[in-house]
Amino acid sequence: GSISHVSPMAVALFGKKIGDLASVNGKEWEIVKLSES
């Protein structure tokens, strides 16, 4: 799916790459795949 570029998740993902962790609302998410839409 897609997310708004101003959402907390999108802001946390800016500048990240596969294998990095993103912290959003106290939860950590590991980036396992990126794709262009």
PDB file of N, CA and C in Angstrom:
ATOM      1  N   GLY A   1       0.815  -1.179   0.000  1.00  0.00           N
ATOM      2  CA  GLY A   1       0.000   0.000   0.000  1.00  0.00           C
ATOM      3  C   GLY A   1       0.862   1.247   0.000  1.00  0.00           C
ATOM      4  N   SER A   2       0.221   2.358   0.010  1.00  0.00           N
ATOM      5  CA  SER A   2       0.936   3.631   0.035  1.00  0.00           C
ATOM      6  C   SER A   2       0.525   4.413   1.273  1.00  0.00           C
ATOM      7  N   ILE A   3       1.392   5.347   1.661  1.00  0.00           N
ATOM      8  CA  ILE A   3       1.114   6.191   2.821  1.00  0.00           C
ATOM      9  C   ILE A   3       1.384   7.640   2.448  1.00  0.00           C
ATOM     10  N   SER A   4       0.732   8.548   3.133  1.00  0.00           N
ATOM     11  CA  SER A   4       0.954   9.973   2.909  1.00  0.00           C
ATOM     12  C   SER A   4       2.386  10.339   3.296  1.00  0.00           C
ATOM     13  N   HIS A   5       3.004  11.217   2.528  1.00  0.00           N
ATOM     14  CA  HIS A   5       4.389  11.617   2.807  1.00  0.00           C
ATOM     15  C   HIS A   5       4.532  12.432   4.087  1.00  0.00           C
ATOM     16  N   VAL A   6       3.431  12.863   4.686  1.00  0.00           N
ATOM     17  CA  VAL A   6       3.495  13.629   5.930  1.00  0.00           C
ATOM     18  C   VAL A   6       3.072  12.804   7.147  1.00  0.00           C
ATOM     19  N   SER A   7       2.787  11.524   6.946  1.00  0.00           N
ATOM     20  CA  SER A   7       2.386  10.670   8.066  1.00  0.00           C
ATOM     21  C   SER A   7       3.592  10.384   8.963  1.00  0.00           C
ATOM     22  N   PRO A   8       3.358  10.068  10.236  1.00  0.00           N
ATOM     23  CA  PRO A   8       4.476   9.749  11.131  1.00  0.00           C
ATOM     24  C   PRO A   8       5.343   8.601  10.604  1.00  0.00           C
ATOM     25  N   MET A   9       4.720   7.596   9.981  1.00  0.00           N
ATOM     26  CA  MET A   9       5.494   6.477   9.438  1.00  0.00           C
ATOM     27  C   MET A   9       6.387   6.946   8.297  1.00  0.00           C
ATOM     28  N   ALA A  10       5.857   7.741   7.392  1.00  0.00           N
ATOM     29  CA  ALA A  10       6.652   8.235   6.264  1.00  0.00           C
ATOM     30  C   ALA A  10       7.815   9.092   6.750  1.00  0.00           C
ATOM     31  N   VAL A  11       7.557   9.968   7.696  1.00  0.00           N
ATOM     32  CA  VAL A  11       8.614  10.831   8.230  1.00  0.00           C
ATOM     33  C   VAL A  11       9.719   9.980   8.857  1.00  0.00           C
ATOM     34  N   ALA A  12       9.347   8.918   9.570  1.00  0.00           N
ATOM     35  CA  ALA A  12      10.340   8.038  10.200  1.00  0.00           C
ATOM     36  C   ALA A  12      11.146   7.262   9.163  1.00  0.00           C
ATOM     37  N   LEU A  13      10.569   7.021   7.982  1.00  0.00           N
ATOM     38  CA  LEU A  13      11.243   6.228   6.950  1.00  0.00           C
ATOM     39  C   LEU A  13      12.166   7.045   6.057  1.00  0.00           C
ATOM     40  N   PHE A  14      12.000   8.368   6.007  1.00  0.00           N
ATOM     41  CA  PHE A  14      12.844   9.190   5.140  1.00  0.00           C
ATOM     42  C   PHE A  14      14.316   8.974   5.463  1.00  0.00           C
ATOM     43  N   GLY A  15      15.111   8.689   4.434  1.00  0.00           N
ATOM     44  CA  GLY A  15      16.545   8.513   4.595  1.00  0.00           C
ATOM     45  C   GLY A  15      16.968   7.134   5.061  1.00  0.00           C
ATOM     46  N   LYS A  16      16.033   6.234   5.256  1.00  0.00           N
ATOM     47  CA  LYS A  16      16.357   4.890   5.725  1.00  0.00           C
ATOM     48  C   LYS A  16      16.590   3.957   4.544  1.00  0.00           C
ATOM     49  N   LYS A  17      17.230   2.827   4.823  1.00  0.00           N
ATOM     50  CA  LYS A  17      17.451   1.807   3.805  1.00  0.00           C
ATOM     51  C   LYS A  17      17.111   0.440   4.385  1.00  0.00           C
ATOM     52  N   ILE A  18      17.089  -0.574   3.544  1.00  0.00           N
ATOM     53  CA  ILE A  18      16.767  -1.927   3.991  1.00  0.00           C
ATOM     54  C   ILE A  18      17.712  -2.326   5.121  1.00  0.00           C
ATOM     55  N   GLY A  19      17.141  -2.888   6.178  1.00  0.00           N
ATOM     56  CA  GLY A  19      17.912  -3.304   7.344  1.00  0.00           C
ATOM     57  C   GLY A  19      17.890  -2.287   8.474  1.00  0.00           C
ATOM     58  N   ASP A  20      17.527  -1.043   8.165  1.00  0.00           N
ATOM     59  CA  ASP A  20      17.434  -0.002   9.193  1.00  0.00           C
ATOM     60  C   ASP A  20      16.167  -0.179  10.022  1.00  0.00           C
ATOM     61  N   LEU A  21      16.161   0.424  11.199  1.00  0.00           N
ATOM     62  CA  LEU A  21      14.977   0.441  12.051  1.00  0.00           C
ATOM     63  C   LEU A  21      14.365   1.831  12.038  1.00  0.00           C
ATOM     64  N   ALA A  22      13.042   1.869  12.042  1.00  0.00           N
ATOM     65  CA  ALA A  22      12.312   3.135  12.130  1.00  0.00           C
ATOM     66  C   ALA A  22      11.437   3.070  13.367  1.00  0.00           C
ATOM     67  N   SER A  23      11.461   4.112  14.180  1.00  0.00           N
ATOM     68  CA  SER A  23      10.666   4.157  15.401  1.00  0.00           C
ATOM     69  C   SER A  23       9.462   5.064  15.190  1.00  0.00           C
ATOM     70  N   VAL A  24       8.264   4.511  15.429  1.00  0.00           N
ATOM     71  CA  VAL A  24       7.019   5.257  15.241  1.00  0.00           C
ATOM     72  C   VAL A  24       6.098   4.975  16.419  1.00  0.00           C
ATOM     73  N   ASN A  25       5.713   6.027  17.123  1.00  0.00           N
ATOM     74  CA  ASN A  25       4.785   5.898  18.262  1.00  0.00           C
ATOM     75  C   ASN A  25       5.220   4.830  19.266  1.00  0.00           C
ATOM     76  N   GLY A  26       6.504   4.783  19.560  1.00  0.00           N
ATOM     77  CA  GLY A  26       7.010   3.854  20.555  1.00  0.00           C
ATOM     78  C   GLY A  26       7.240   2.436  20.066  1.00  0.00           C
ATOM     79  N   LYS A  27       7.000   2.168  18.789  1.00  0.00           N
ATOM     80  CA  LYS A  27       7.244   0.838  18.222  1.00  0.00           C
ATOM     81  C   LYS A  27       8.367   0.935  17.211  1.00  0.00           C
ATOM     82  N   GLU A  28       9.168  -0.132  17.118  1.00  0.00           N
ATOM     83  CA  GLU A  28      10.245  -0.165  16.135  1.00  0.00           C
ATOM     84  C   GLU A  28       9.857  -1.081  14.985  1.00  0.00           C
ATOM     85  N   TRP A  29      10.161  -0.629  13.780  1.00  0.00           N
ATOM     86  CA  TRP A  29       9.859  -1.373  12.562  1.00  0.00           C
ATOM     87  C   TRP A  29      11.152  -1.559  11.788  1.00  0.00           C
ATOM     88  N   GLU A  30      11.426  -2.791  11.349  1.00  0.00           N
ATOM     89  CA  GLU A  30      12.596  -3.051  10.516  1.00  0.00           C
ATOM     90  C   GLU A  30      12.187  -2.964   9.052  1.00  0.00           C
ATOM     91  N   ILE A  31      12.992  -2.279   8.269  1.00  0.00           N
ATOM     92  CA  ILE A  31      12.714  -2.151   6.844  1.00  0.00           C
ATOM     93  C   ILE A  31      13.257  -3.390   6.141  1.00  0.00           C
ATOM     94  N   VAL A  32      12.359  -4.137   5.515  1.00  0.00           N
ATOM     95  CA  VAL A  32      12.761  -5.368   4.834  1.00  0.00           C
ATOM     96  C   VAL A  32      12.614  -5.277   3.320  1.00  0.00           C
ATOM     97  N   LYS A  33      11.838  -4.300   2.823  1.00  0.00           N
ATOM     98  CA  LYS A  33      11.653  -4.151   1.383  1.00  0.00           C
ATOM     99  C   LYS A  33      11.224  -2.719   1.077  1.00  0.00           C
ATOM    100  N   LEU A  34      11.747  -2.179  -0.013  1.00  0.00           N
ATOM    101  CA  LEU A  34      11.342  -0.856  -0.493  1.00  0.00           C
ATOM    102  C   LEU A  34      10.968  -0.984  -1.963  1.00  0.00           C
ATOM    103  N   SER A  35       9.970  -0.236  -2.380  1.00  0.00           N
ATOM    104  CA  SER A  35       9.601  -0.245  -3.798  1.00  0.00           C
ATOM    105  C   SER A  35       9.084   1.124  -4.207  1.00  0.00           C
ATOM    106  N   GLU A  36       9.193   1.419  -5.492  1.00  0.00           N
ATOM    107  CA  GLU A  36       8.669   2.668  -6.047  1.00  0.00           C
ATOM    108  C   GLU A  36       7.259   2.438  -6.538  1.00  0.00           C
ATOM    109  N   SER A  37       6.462   3.488  -6.468  1.00  0.00           N
ATOM    110  CA  SER A  37       5.108   3.358  -7.026  1.00  0.00           C
ATOM    111  C   SER A  37       4.901   4.353  -8.138  1.00  0.00           C
TER     112      SER A  37
END
